PDB file of all heavy atoms in Angstrom:
ATOM      1  N   ASP A   1    -133.640 134.794 225.201  1.00  0.00           N
ATOM      2  CA  ASP A   1    -134.726 135.716 224.991  1.00  0.00           C
ATOM      3  C   ASP A   1    -134.341 136.949 224.284  1.00  0.00           C
ATOM      4  O   ASP A   1    -135.164 137.628 223.594  1.00  0.00           O
ATOM      5  CB  ASP A   1    -135.441 136.069 226.304  1.00  0.00           C
ATOM      6  CG  ASP A   1    -136.055 134.896 226.958  1.00  0.00           C
ATOM      7  OD1 ASP A   1    -136.461 133.965 226.217  1.00  0.00           O
ATOM      8  OD2 ASP A   1    -136.269 134.878 228.193  1.00  0.00           O
ATOM      9  N   ASP A   2    -133.003 137.340 224.344  1.00  0.00           N
ATOM     10  CA  ASP A   2    -132.469 138.522 223.660  1.00  0.00           C
ATOM     11  C   ASP A   2    -131.975 138.261 222.325  1.00  0.00           C
ATOM     12  O   ASP A   2    -131.430 139.117 221.603  1.00  0.00           O
ATOM     13  CB  ASP A   2    -131.372 139.154 224.555  1.00  0.00           C
ATOM     14  CG  ASP A   2    -131.911 139.599 225.876  1.00  0.00           C
ATOM     15  OD1 ASP A   2    -133.038 140.068 225.947  1.00  0.00           O
ATOM     16  OD2 ASP A   2    -131.147 139.499 226.865  1.00  0.00           O
ATOM     17  N   GLY A   3    -132.117 136.961 221.859  1.00  0.00           N
ATOM     18  CA  GLY A   3    -131.588 136.584 220.506  1.00  0.00           C
ATOM     19  C   GLY A   3    -130.164 136.298 220.452  1.00  0.00           C
ATOM     20  O   GLY A   3    -129.558 136.139 219.389  1.00  0.00           O
ATOM     21  N   GLN A   4    -129.482 136.170 221.654  1.00  0.00           N
ATOM     22  CA  GLN A   4    -128.103 135.862 221.657  1.00  0.00           C
ATOM     23  C   GLN A   4    -127.923 134.309 221.702  1.00  0.00           C
ATOM     24  O   GLN A   4    -128.656 133.570 222.263  1.00  0.00           O
ATOM     25  CB  GLN A   4    -127.443 136.519 222.888  1.00  0.00           C
ATOM     26  CG  GLN A   4    -127.580 137.972 222.946  1.00  0.00           C
ATOM     27  CD  GLN A   4    -126.892 138.679 221.812  1.00  0.00           C
ATOM     28  OE1 GLN A   4    -125.721 138.322 221.461  1.00  0.00           O
ATOM     29  NE2 GLN A   4    -127.548 139.717 221.187  1.00  0.00           N
ATOM     30  N   VAL A   5    -126.772 133.871 221.057  1.00  0.00           N
ATOM     31  CA  VAL A   5    -126.534 132.429 221.096  1.00  0.00           C
ATOM     32  C   VAL A   5    -126.019 131.985 222.510  1.00  0.00           C
ATOM     33  O   VAL A   5    -125.009 132.553 222.940  1.00  0.00           O
ATOM     34  CB  VAL A   5    -125.414 132.113 220.003  1.00  0.00           C
ATOM     35  CG1 VAL A   5    -125.109 130.636 220.052  1.00  0.00           C
ATOM     36  CG2 VAL A   5    -125.993 132.567 218.655  1.00  0.00           C
ATOM     37  N   ARG A   6    -126.707 131.083 223.082  1.00  0.00           N
ATOM     38  CA  ARG A   6    -126.282 130.536 224.359  1.00  0.00           C
ATOM     39  C   ARG A   6    -125.745 129.132 224.289  1.00  0.00           C
ATOM     40  O   ARG A   6    -125.112 128.673 225.234  1.00  0.00           O
ATOM     41  CB  ARG A   6    -127.447 130.597 225.348  1.00  0.00           C
ATOM     42  CG  ARG A   6    -128.687 129.829 224.990  1.00  0.00           C
ATOM     43  CD  ARG A   6    -129.779 129.998 226.041  1.00  0.00           C
ATOM     44  NE  ARG A   6    -131.066 129.382 225.645  1.00  0.00           N
ATOM     45  CZ  ARG A   6    -131.330 128.083 225.913  1.00  0.00           C
ATOM     46  NH1 ARG A   6    -130.427 127.318 226.385  1.00  0.00           N
ATOM     47  NH2 ARG A   6    -132.496 127.598 225.493  1.00  0.00           N
ATOM     48  N   GLU A   7    -126.036 128.503 223.166  1.00  0.00           N
ATOM     49  CA  GLU A   7    -125.552 127.027 223.000  1.00  0.00           C
ATOM     50  C   GLU A   7    -125.476 126.771 221.543  1.00  0.00           C
ATOM     51  O   GLU A   7    -126.353 127.180 220.656  1.00  0.00           O
ATOM     52  CB  GLU A   7    -126.566 126.071 223.681  1.00  0.00           C
ATOM     53  CG  GLU A   7    -126.071 124.614 223.630  1.00  0.00           C
ATOM     54  CD  GLU A   7    -127.121 123.748 224.401  1.00  0.00           C
ATOM     55  OE1 GLU A   7    -128.084 123.436 223.755  1.00  0.00           O
ATOM     56  OE2 GLU A   7    -126.819 123.380 225.552  1.00  0.00           O
ATOM     57  N   LEU A   8    -124.386 126.065 221.130  1.00  0.00           N
ATOM     58  CA  LEU A   8    -124.156 125.618 219.837  1.00  0.00           C
ATOM     59  C   LEU A   8    -124.007 124.083 219.810  1.00  0.00           C
ATOM     60  O   LEU A   8    -123.167 123.534 220.498  1.00  0.00           O
ATOM     61  CB  LEU A   8    -122.926 126.261 219.175  1.00  0.00           C
ATOM     62  CG  LEU A   8    -122.480 125.667 217.851  1.00  0.00           C
ATOM     63  CD1 LEU A   8    -123.495 125.875 216.755  1.00  0.00           C
ATOM     64  CD2 LEU A   8    -121.165 126.374 217.436  1.00  0.00           C
ATOM     65  N   ILE A   9    -124.834 123.436 219.000  1.00  0.00           N
ATOM     66  CA  ILE A   9    -124.729 121.956 218.865  1.00  0.00           C
ATOM     67  C   ILE A   9    -124.314 121.721 217.457  1.00  0.00           C
ATOM     68  O   ILE A   9    -124.953 122.051 216.453  1.00  0.00           O
ATOM     69  CB  ILE A   9    -126.094 121.265 219.154  1.00  0.00           C
ATOM     70  CG1 ILE A   9    -126.569 121.616 220.511  1.00  0.00           C
ATOM     71  CG2 ILE A   9    -125.976 119.714 219.000  1.00  0.00           C
ATOM     72  CD1 ILE A   9    -128.006 121.049 220.832  1.00  0.00           C
ATOM     73  N   GLN A  10    -123.230 120.963 217.313  1.00  0.00           N
ATOM     74  CA  GLN A  10    -122.676 120.526 215.983  1.00  0.00           C
ATOM     75  C   GLN A  10    -122.734 119.027 215.937  1.00  0.00           C
ATOM     76  O   GLN A  10    -122.244 118.324 216.815  1.00  0.00           O
ATOM     77  CB  GLN A  10    -121.236 121.025 215.811  1.00  0.00           C
ATOM     78  CG  GLN A  10    -121.110 122.631 215.772  1.00  0.00           C
ATOM     79  CD  GLN A  10    -119.702 123.073 215.859  1.00  0.00           C
ATOM     80  OE1 GLN A  10    -119.049 122.917 216.888  1.00  0.00           O
ATOM     81  NE2 GLN A  10    -119.207 123.612 214.798  1.00  0.00           N
ATOM     82  N   ALA A  11    -123.300 118.463 214.821  1.00  0.00           N
ATOM     83  CA  ALA A  11    -123.357 117.061 214.688  1.00  0.00           C
ATOM     84  C   ALA A  11    -122.980 116.575 213.264  1.00  0.00           C
ATOM     85  O   ALA A  11    -123.275 117.350 212.294  1.00  0.00           O
ATOM     86  CB  ALA A  11    -124.793 116.587 215.025  1.00  0.00           C
ATOM     87  N   THR A  12    -122.403 115.420 213.213  1.00  0.00           N
ATOM     88  CA  THR A  12    -122.132 114.906 211.886  1.00  0.00           C
ATOM     89  C   THR A  12    -123.262 114.566 211.085  1.00  0.00           C
ATOM     90  O   THR A  12    -123.400 114.909 209.845  1.00  0.00           O
ATOM     91  CB  THR A  12    -121.208 113.667 212.057  1.00  0.00           C
ATOM     92  OG1 THR A  12    -120.057 113.963 212.882  1.00  0.00           O
ATOM     93  CG2 THR A  12    -120.786 113.142 210.637  1.00  0.00           C
ATOM     94  N   ARG A  13    -124.268 113.970 211.626  1.00  0.00           N
ATOM     95  CA  ARG A  13    -125.534 113.598 211.008  1.00  0.00           C
ATOM     96  C   ARG A  13    -126.628 113.389 212.056  1.00  0.00           C
ATOM     97  O   ARG A  13    -126.384 113.498 213.262  1.00  0.00           O
ATOM     98  CB  ARG A  13    -125.363 112.296 210.231  1.00  0.00           C
ATOM     99  CG  ARG A  13    -125.066 111.076 211.016  1.00  0.00           C
ATOM    100  CD  ARG A  13    -124.788 109.863 210.281  1.00  0.00           C
ATOM    101  NE  ARG A  13    -124.700 108.649 211.115  1.00  0.00           N
ATOM    102  CZ  ARG A  13    -123.568 108.271 211.702  1.00  0.00           C
ATOM    103  NH1 ARG A  13    -122.495 109.002 211.641  1.00  0.00           N
ATOM    104  NH2 ARG A  13    -123.593 107.133 212.479  1.00  0.00           N
ATOM    105  N   ALA A  14    -127.853 113.194 211.556  1.00  0.00           N
ATOM    106  CA  ALA A  14    -129.014 112.999 212.445  1.00  0.00           C
ATOM    107  C   ALA A  14    -129.975 112.062 211.817  1.00  0.00           C
ATOM    108  O   ALA A  14    -130.135 112.039 210.521  1.00  0.00           O
ATOM    109  CB  ALA A  14    -129.652 114.351 212.743  1.00  0.00           C
ATOM    110  N   ASP A  15    -130.653 111.364 212.609  1.00  0.00           N
ATOM    111  CA  ASP A  15    -131.852 110.565 212.163  1.00  0.00           C
ATOM    112  C   ASP A  15    -133.117 111.195 212.610  1.00  0.00           C
ATOM    113  O   ASP A  15    -133.295 111.462 213.791  1.00  0.00           O
ATOM    114  CB  ASP A  15    -131.789 109.148 212.698  1.00  0.00           C
ATOM    115  CG  ASP A  15    -130.667 108.312 212.104  1.00  0.00           C
ATOM    116  OD1 ASP A  15    -130.589 108.246 210.845  1.00  0.00           O
ATOM    117  OD2 ASP A  15    -129.816 107.775 212.824  1.00  0.00           O
ATOM    118  N   VAL A  16    -134.051 111.510 211.675  1.00  0.00           N
ATOM    119  CA  VAL A  16    -135.334 112.112 212.024  1.00  0.00           C
ATOM    120  C   VAL A  16    -136.263 110.966 212.455  1.00  0.00           C
ATOM    121  O   VAL A  16    -136.807 110.226 211.616  1.00  0.00           O
ATOM    122  CB  VAL A  16    -135.940 112.865 210.857  1.00  0.00           C
ATOM    123  CG1 VAL A  16    -137.193 113.503 211.283  1.00  0.00           C
ATOM    124  CG2 VAL A  16    -134.926 113.937 210.353  1.00  0.00           C
ATOM    125  N   ILE A  17    -136.382 110.729 213.746  1.00  0.00           N
ATOM    126  CA  ILE A  17    -137.107 109.573 214.244  1.00  0.00           C
ATOM    127  C   ILE A  17    -138.568 109.909 214.663  1.00  0.00           C
ATOM    128  O   ILE A  17    -139.319 109.037 215.034  1.00  0.00           O
ATOM    129  CB  ILE A  17    -136.429 108.952 215.464  1.00  0.00           C
ATOM    130  CG1 ILE A  17    -136.191 110.023 216.537  1.00  0.00           C
ATOM    131  CG2 ILE A  17    -135.034 108.410 215.096  1.00  0.00           C
ATOM    132  CD1 ILE A  17    -135.547 109.433 217.839  1.00  0.00           C
ATOM    133  N   GLY A  18    -138.972 111.153 214.426  1.00  0.00           N
ATOM    134  CA  GLY A  18    -140.335 111.561 214.702  1.00  0.00           C
ATOM    135  C   GLY A  18    -140.605 112.950 214.203  1.00  0.00           C
ATOM    136  O   GLY A  18    -139.693 113.632 213.760  1.00  0.00           O
ATOM    137  N   PRO A  19    -141.870 113.419 214.169  1.00  0.00           N
ATOM    138  CA  PRO A  19    -142.173 114.785 213.712  1.00  0.00           C
ATOM    139  C   PRO A  19    -141.372 115.881 214.420  1.00  0.00           C
ATOM    140  O   PRO A  19    -141.049 116.890 213.825  1.00  0.00           O
ATOM    141  CB  PRO A  19    -143.648 114.904 214.014  1.00  0.00           C
ATOM    142  CG  PRO A  19    -144.181 113.500 214.146  1.00  0.00           C
ATOM    143  CD  PRO A  19    -143.056 112.715 214.745  1.00  0.00           C
ATOM    144  N   ASP A  20    -141.072 115.637 215.694  1.00  0.00           N
ATOM    145  CA  ASP A  20    -140.326 116.662 216.471  1.00  0.00           C
ATOM    146  C   ASP A  20    -139.128 116.068 217.224  1.00  0.00           C
ATOM    147  O   ASP A  20    -138.741 116.605 218.270  1.00  0.00           O
ATOM    148  CB  ASP A  20    -141.228 117.504 217.388  1.00  0.00           C
ATOM    149  CG  ASP A  20    -141.980 116.531 218.308  1.00  0.00           C
ATOM    150  OD1 ASP A  20    -141.828 115.301 218.213  1.00  0.00           O
ATOM    151  OD2 ASP A  20    -142.692 116.996 219.203  1.00  0.00           O
ATOM    152  N   ALA A  21    -138.596 114.983 216.749  1.00  0.00           N
ATOM    153  CA  ALA A  21    -137.483 114.357 217.447  1.00  0.00           C
ATOM    154  C   ALA A  21    -136.389 113.951 216.472  1.00  0.00           C
ATOM    155  O   ALA A  21    -136.659 113.273 215.453  1.00  0.00           O
ATOM    156  CB  ALA A  21    -138.051 113.077 218.151  1.00  0.00           C
ATOM    157  N   TRP A  22    -135.188 114.420 216.726  1.00  0.00           N
ATOM    158  CA  TRP A  22    -133.978 114.045 215.957  1.00  0.00           C
ATOM    159  C   TRP A  22    -133.030 113.315 216.875  1.00  0.00           C
ATOM    160  O   TRP A  22    -132.904 113.613 218.158  1.00  0.00           O
ATOM    161  CB  TRP A  22    -133.287 115.263 215.451  1.00  0.00           C
ATOM    162  CG  TRP A  22    -134.038 115.976 214.338  1.00  0.00           C
ATOM    163  CD1 TRP A  22    -135.391 115.976 214.138  1.00  0.00           C
ATOM    164  CD2 TRP A  22    -133.468 116.818 213.338  1.00  0.00           C
ATOM    165  NE1 TRP A  22    -135.708 116.742 213.014  1.00  0.00           N
ATOM    166  CE2 TRP A  22    -134.496 117.320 212.547  1.00  0.00           C
ATOM    167  CE3 TRP A  22    -132.136 117.229 213.086  1.00  0.00           C
ATOM    168  CZ2 TRP A  22    -134.342 118.176 211.388  1.00  0.00           C
ATOM    169  CZ3 TRP A  22    -131.960 118.071 211.915  1.00  0.00           C
ATOM    170  CH2 TRP A  22    -133.043 118.545 211.175  1.00  0.00           C
ATOM    171  N   LEU A  23    -132.267 112.349 216.368  1.00  0.00           N
ATOM    172  CA  LEU A  23    -131.233 111.682 217.107  1.00  0.00           C
ATOM    173  C   LEU A  23    -129.939 112.118 216.463  1.00  0.00           C
ATOM    174  O   LEU A  23    -129.573 111.666 215.345  1.00  0.00           O
ATOM    175  CB  LEU A  23    -131.392 110.193 217.078  1.00  0.00           C
ATOM    176  CG  LEU A  23    -130.346 109.376 217.906  1.00  0.00           C
ATOM    177  CD1 LEU A  23    -130.418 109.772 219.260  1.00  0.00           C
ATOM    178  CD2 LEU A  23    -130.562 107.884 217.638  1.00  0.00           C
ATOM    179  N   LEU A  24    -129.168 113.005 217.164  1.00  0.00           N
ATOM    180  CA  LEU A  24    -127.858 113.509 216.579  1.00  0.00           C
ATOM    181  C   LEU A  24    -126.779 112.495 216.867  1.00  0.00           C
ATOM    182  O   LEU A  24    -126.689 111.926 217.915  1.00  0.00           O
ATOM    183  CB  LEU A  24    -127.596 114.840 217.287  1.00  0.00           C
ATOM    184  CG  LEU A  24    -128.670 115.954 217.175  1.00  0.00           C
ATOM    185  CD1 LEU A  24    -128.187 117.198 217.913  1.00  0.00           C
ATOM    186  CD2 LEU A  24    -129.024 116.271 215.740  1.00  0.00           C
ATOM    187  N   HIS A  25    -125.880 112.385 215.881  1.00  0.00           N
ATOM    188  CA  HIS A  25    -124.670 111.533 215.988  1.00  0.00           C
ATOM    189  C   HIS A  25    -123.453 112.253 216.029  1.00  0.00           C
ATOM    190  O   HIS A  25    -123.322 113.255 215.287  1.00  0.00           O
ATOM    191  CB  HIS A  25    -124.654 110.521 214.844  1.00  0.00           C
ATOM    192  CG  HIS A  25    -125.911 109.590 214.804  1.00  0.00           C
ATOM    193  ND1 HIS A  25    -125.905 108.385 215.454  1.00  0.00           N
ATOM    194  CD2 HIS A  25    -127.132 109.688 214.197  1.00  0.00           C
ATOM    195  CE1 HIS A  25    -127.145 107.785 215.270  1.00  0.00           C
ATOM    196  NE2 HIS A  25    -127.817 108.572 214.504  1.00  0.00           N
ATOM    197  N   ASP A  26    -122.493 111.870 216.843  1.00  0.00           N
ATOM    198  CA  ASP A  26    -121.184 112.534 216.929  1.00  0.00           C
ATOM    199  C   ASP A  26    -121.391 114.023 217.164  1.00  0.00           C
ATOM    200  O   ASP A  26    -121.002 114.882 216.436  1.00  0.00           O
ATOM    201  CB  ASP A  26    -120.350 112.282 215.677  1.00  0.00           C
ATOM    202  CG  ASP A  26    -118.929 112.715 215.882  1.00  0.00           C
ATOM    203  OD1 ASP A  26    -118.479 112.881 216.999  1.00  0.00           O
ATOM    204  OD2 ASP A  26    -118.255 112.917 214.830  1.00  0.00           O
ATOM    205  N   ALA A  27    -122.098 114.318 218.296  1.00  0.00           N
ATOM    206  CA  ALA A  27    -122.446 115.746 218.555  1.00  0.00           C
ATOM    207  C   ALA A  27    -121.513 116.411 219.519  1.00  0.00           C
ATOM    208  O   ALA A  27    -121.034 115.815 220.541  1.00  0.00           O
ATOM    209  CB  ALA A  27    -123.871 115.698 219.165  1.00  0.00           C
ATOM    210  N   LEU A  28    -121.187 117.630 219.277  1.00  0.00           N
ATOM    211  CA  LEU A  28    -120.385 118.475 220.082  1.00  0.00           C
ATOM    212  C   LEU A  28    -121.252 119.672 220.543  1.00  0.00           C
ATOM    213  O   LEU A  28    -121.740 120.465 219.758  1.00  0.00           O
ATOM    214  CB  LEU A  28    -119.150 119.040 219.330  1.00  0.00           C
ATOM    215  CG  LEU A  28    -118.299 120.064 220.114  1.00  0.00           C
ATOM    216  CD1 LEU A  28    -117.622 119.380 221.361  1.00  0.00           C
ATOM    217  CD2 LEU A  28    -117.227 120.613 219.222  1.00  0.00           C
ATOM    218  N   VAL A  29    -121.455 119.742 221.958  1.00  0.00           N
ATOM    219  CA  VAL A  29    -122.310 120.802 222.564  1.00  0.00           C
ATOM    220  C   VAL A  29    -121.346 121.868 223.140  1.00  0.00           C
ATOM    221  O   VAL A  29    -120.571 121.542 224.016  1.00  0.00           O
ATOM    222  CB  VAL A  29    -123.241 120.192 223.560  1.00  0.00           C
ATOM    223  CG1 VAL A  29    -124.139 121.337 224.116  1.00  0.00           C
ATOM    224  CG2 VAL A  29    -124.088 119.137 222.884  1.00  0.00           C
ATOM    225  N   THR A  30    -121.491 123.087 222.670  1.00  0.00           N
ATOM    226  CA  THR A  30    -120.734 124.190 223.219  1.00  0.00           C
ATOM    227  C   THR A  30    -121.712 125.177 223.898  1.00  0.00           C
ATOM    228  O   THR A  30    -122.612 125.694 223.213  1.00  0.00           O
ATOM    229  CB  THR A  30    -119.934 124.890 222.145  1.00  0.00           C
ATOM    230  OG1 THR A  30    -119.135 123.962 221.404  1.00  0.00           O
ATOM    231  CG2 THR A  30    -119.096 126.054 222.652  1.00  0.00           C
ATOM    232  N   ARG A  31    -121.485 125.361 225.190  1.00  0.00           N
ATOM    233  CA  ARG A  31    -122.339 126.287 225.966  1.00  0.00           C
ATOM    234  C   ARG A  31    -121.552 127.626 226.270  1.00  0.00           C
ATOM    235  O   ARG A  31    -120.449 127.555 226.833  1.00  0.00           O
ATOM    236  CB  ARG A  31    -122.795 125.659 227.316  1.00  0.00           C
ATOM    237  CG  ARG A  31    -123.729 124.455 227.070  1.00  0.00           C
ATOM    238  CD  ARG A  31    -124.222 123.911 228.408  1.00  0.00           C
ATOM    239  NE  ARG A  31    -125.206 122.809 228.182  1.00  0.00           N
ATOM    240  CZ  ARG A  31    -124.834 121.595 228.037  1.00  0.00           C
ATOM    241  NH1 ARG A  31    -123.547 121.226 228.086  1.00  0.00           N
ATOM    242  NH2 ARG A  31    -125.790 120.616 227.803  1.00  0.00           N
ATOM    243  N   PHE A  32    -122.172 128.723 225.956  1.00  0.00           N
ATOM    244  CA  PHE A  32    -121.543 129.996 226.181  1.00  0.00           C
ATOM    245  C   PHE A  32    -122.086 130.569 227.473  1.00  0.00           C
ATOM    246  O   PHE A  32    -123.234 131.019 227.546  1.00  0.00           O
ATOM    247  CB  PHE A  32    -121.800 130.929 224.997  1.00  0.00           C
ATOM    248  CG  PHE A  32    -121.333 130.407 223.662  1.00  0.00           C
ATOM    249  CD1 PHE A  32    -122.272 129.721 222.841  1.00  0.00           C
ATOM    250  CD2 PHE A  32    -120.025 130.556 223.327  1.00  0.00           C
ATOM    251  CE1 PHE A  32    -121.753 129.258 221.653  1.00  0.00           C
ATOM    252  CE2 PHE A  32    -119.664 130.082 222.077  1.00  0.00           C
ATOM    253  CZ  PHE A  32    -120.428 129.396 221.228  1.00  0.00           C
ATOM    254  N   GLU A  33    -121.237 130.478 228.523  1.00  0.00           N
ATOM    255  CA  GLU A  33    -121.629 130.987 229.830  1.00  0.00           C
ATOM    256  C   GLU A  33    -121.026 132.353 230.032  1.00  0.00           C
ATOM    257  O   GLU A  33    -120.347 132.883 229.279  1.00  0.00           O
ATOM    258  CB  GLU A  33    -121.203 130.045 230.921  1.00  0.00           C
ATOM    259  CG  GLU A  33    -121.829 128.577 230.671  1.00  0.00           C
ATOM    260  CD  GLU A  33    -121.296 127.557 231.651  1.00  0.00           C
ATOM    261  OE1 GLU A  33    -120.368 127.894 232.392  1.00  0.00           O
ATOM    262  OE2 GLU A  33    -121.810 126.451 231.594  1.00  0.00           O
ATOM    263  N   ALA A  34    -121.360 132.926 231.207  1.00  0.00           N
ATOM    264  CA  ALA A  34    -120.966 134.314 231.488  1.00  0.00           C
ATOM    265  C   ALA A  34    -119.422 134.538 231.375  1.00  0.00           C
ATOM    266  O   ALA A  34    -118.999 135.447 230.843  1.00  0.00           O
ATOM    267  CB  ALA A  34    -121.462 134.728 232.858  1.00  0.00           C
ATOM    268  N   GLU A  35    -118.670 133.559 231.950  1.00  0.00           N
ATOM    269  CA  GLU A  35    -117.195 133.798 232.037  1.00  0.00           C
ATOM    270  C   GLU A  35    -116.422 132.713 231.274  1.00  0.00           C
ATOM    271  O   GLU A  35    -115.174 132.947 231.134  1.00  0.00           O
ATOM    272  CB  GLU A  35    -116.776 133.771 233.493  1.00  0.00           C
ATOM    273  CG  GLU A  35    -117.423 134.806 234.343  1.00  0.00           C
ATOM    274  CD  GLU A  35    -116.936 134.784 235.769  1.00  0.00           C
ATOM    275  OE1 GLU A  35    -116.298 133.818 236.149  1.00  0.00           O
ATOM    276  OE2 GLU A  35    -117.311 135.695 236.609  1.00  0.00           O
ATOM    277  N   ASN A  36    -117.018 131.696 230.863  1.00  0.00           N
ATOM    278  CA  ASN A  36    -116.241 130.690 230.146  1.00  0.00           C
ATOM    279  C   ASN A  36    -117.097 129.946 229.120  1.00  0.00           C
ATOM    280  O   ASN A  36    -118.284 130.217 228.983  1.00  0.00           O
ATOM    281  CB  ASN A  36    -115.599 129.680 231.088  1.00  0.00           C
ATOM    282  CG  ASN A  36    -116.655 128.979 231.903  1.00  0.00           C
ATOM    283  OD1 ASN A  36    -117.826 129.331 231.833  1.00  0.00           O
ATOM    284  ND2 ASN A  36    -116.259 127.930 232.558  1.00  0.00           N
ATOM    285  N   VAL A  37    -116.479 129.089 228.376  1.00  0.00           N
ATOM    286  CA  VAL A  37    -117.175 128.223 227.379  1.00  0.00           C
ATOM    287  C   VAL A  37    -116.891 126.790 227.703  1.00  0.00           C
ATOM    288  O   VAL A  37    -115.833 126.352 227.935  1.00  0.00           O
ATOM    289  CB  VAL A  37    -116.571 128.513 225.926  1.00  0.00           C
ATOM    290  CG1 VAL A  37    -117.258 127.569 224.902  1.00  0.00           C
ATOM    291  CG2 VAL A  37    -116.733 130.018 225.587  1.00  0.00           C
ATOM    292  N   ALA A  38    -118.068 126.046 227.798  1.00  0.00           N
ATOM    293  CA  ALA A  38    -117.997 124.564 228.206  1.00  0.00           C
ATOM    294  C   ALA A  38    -118.414 123.792 227.002  1.00  0.00           C
ATOM    295  O   ALA A  38    -119.321 124.083 226.260  1.00  0.00           O
ATOM    296  CB  ALA A  38    -118.952 124.344 229.359  1.00  0.00           C
TER     297      ALA A  38
END
């Protein structure tokens, strides 16, 4: 809500399978938490 990045998703490619649905391939999800990064 404050405009800060809380999660980063990096993917090699994606298939657009619907108007609002993507299927990400080879995805790396990085979550920025209060004390660490997962």
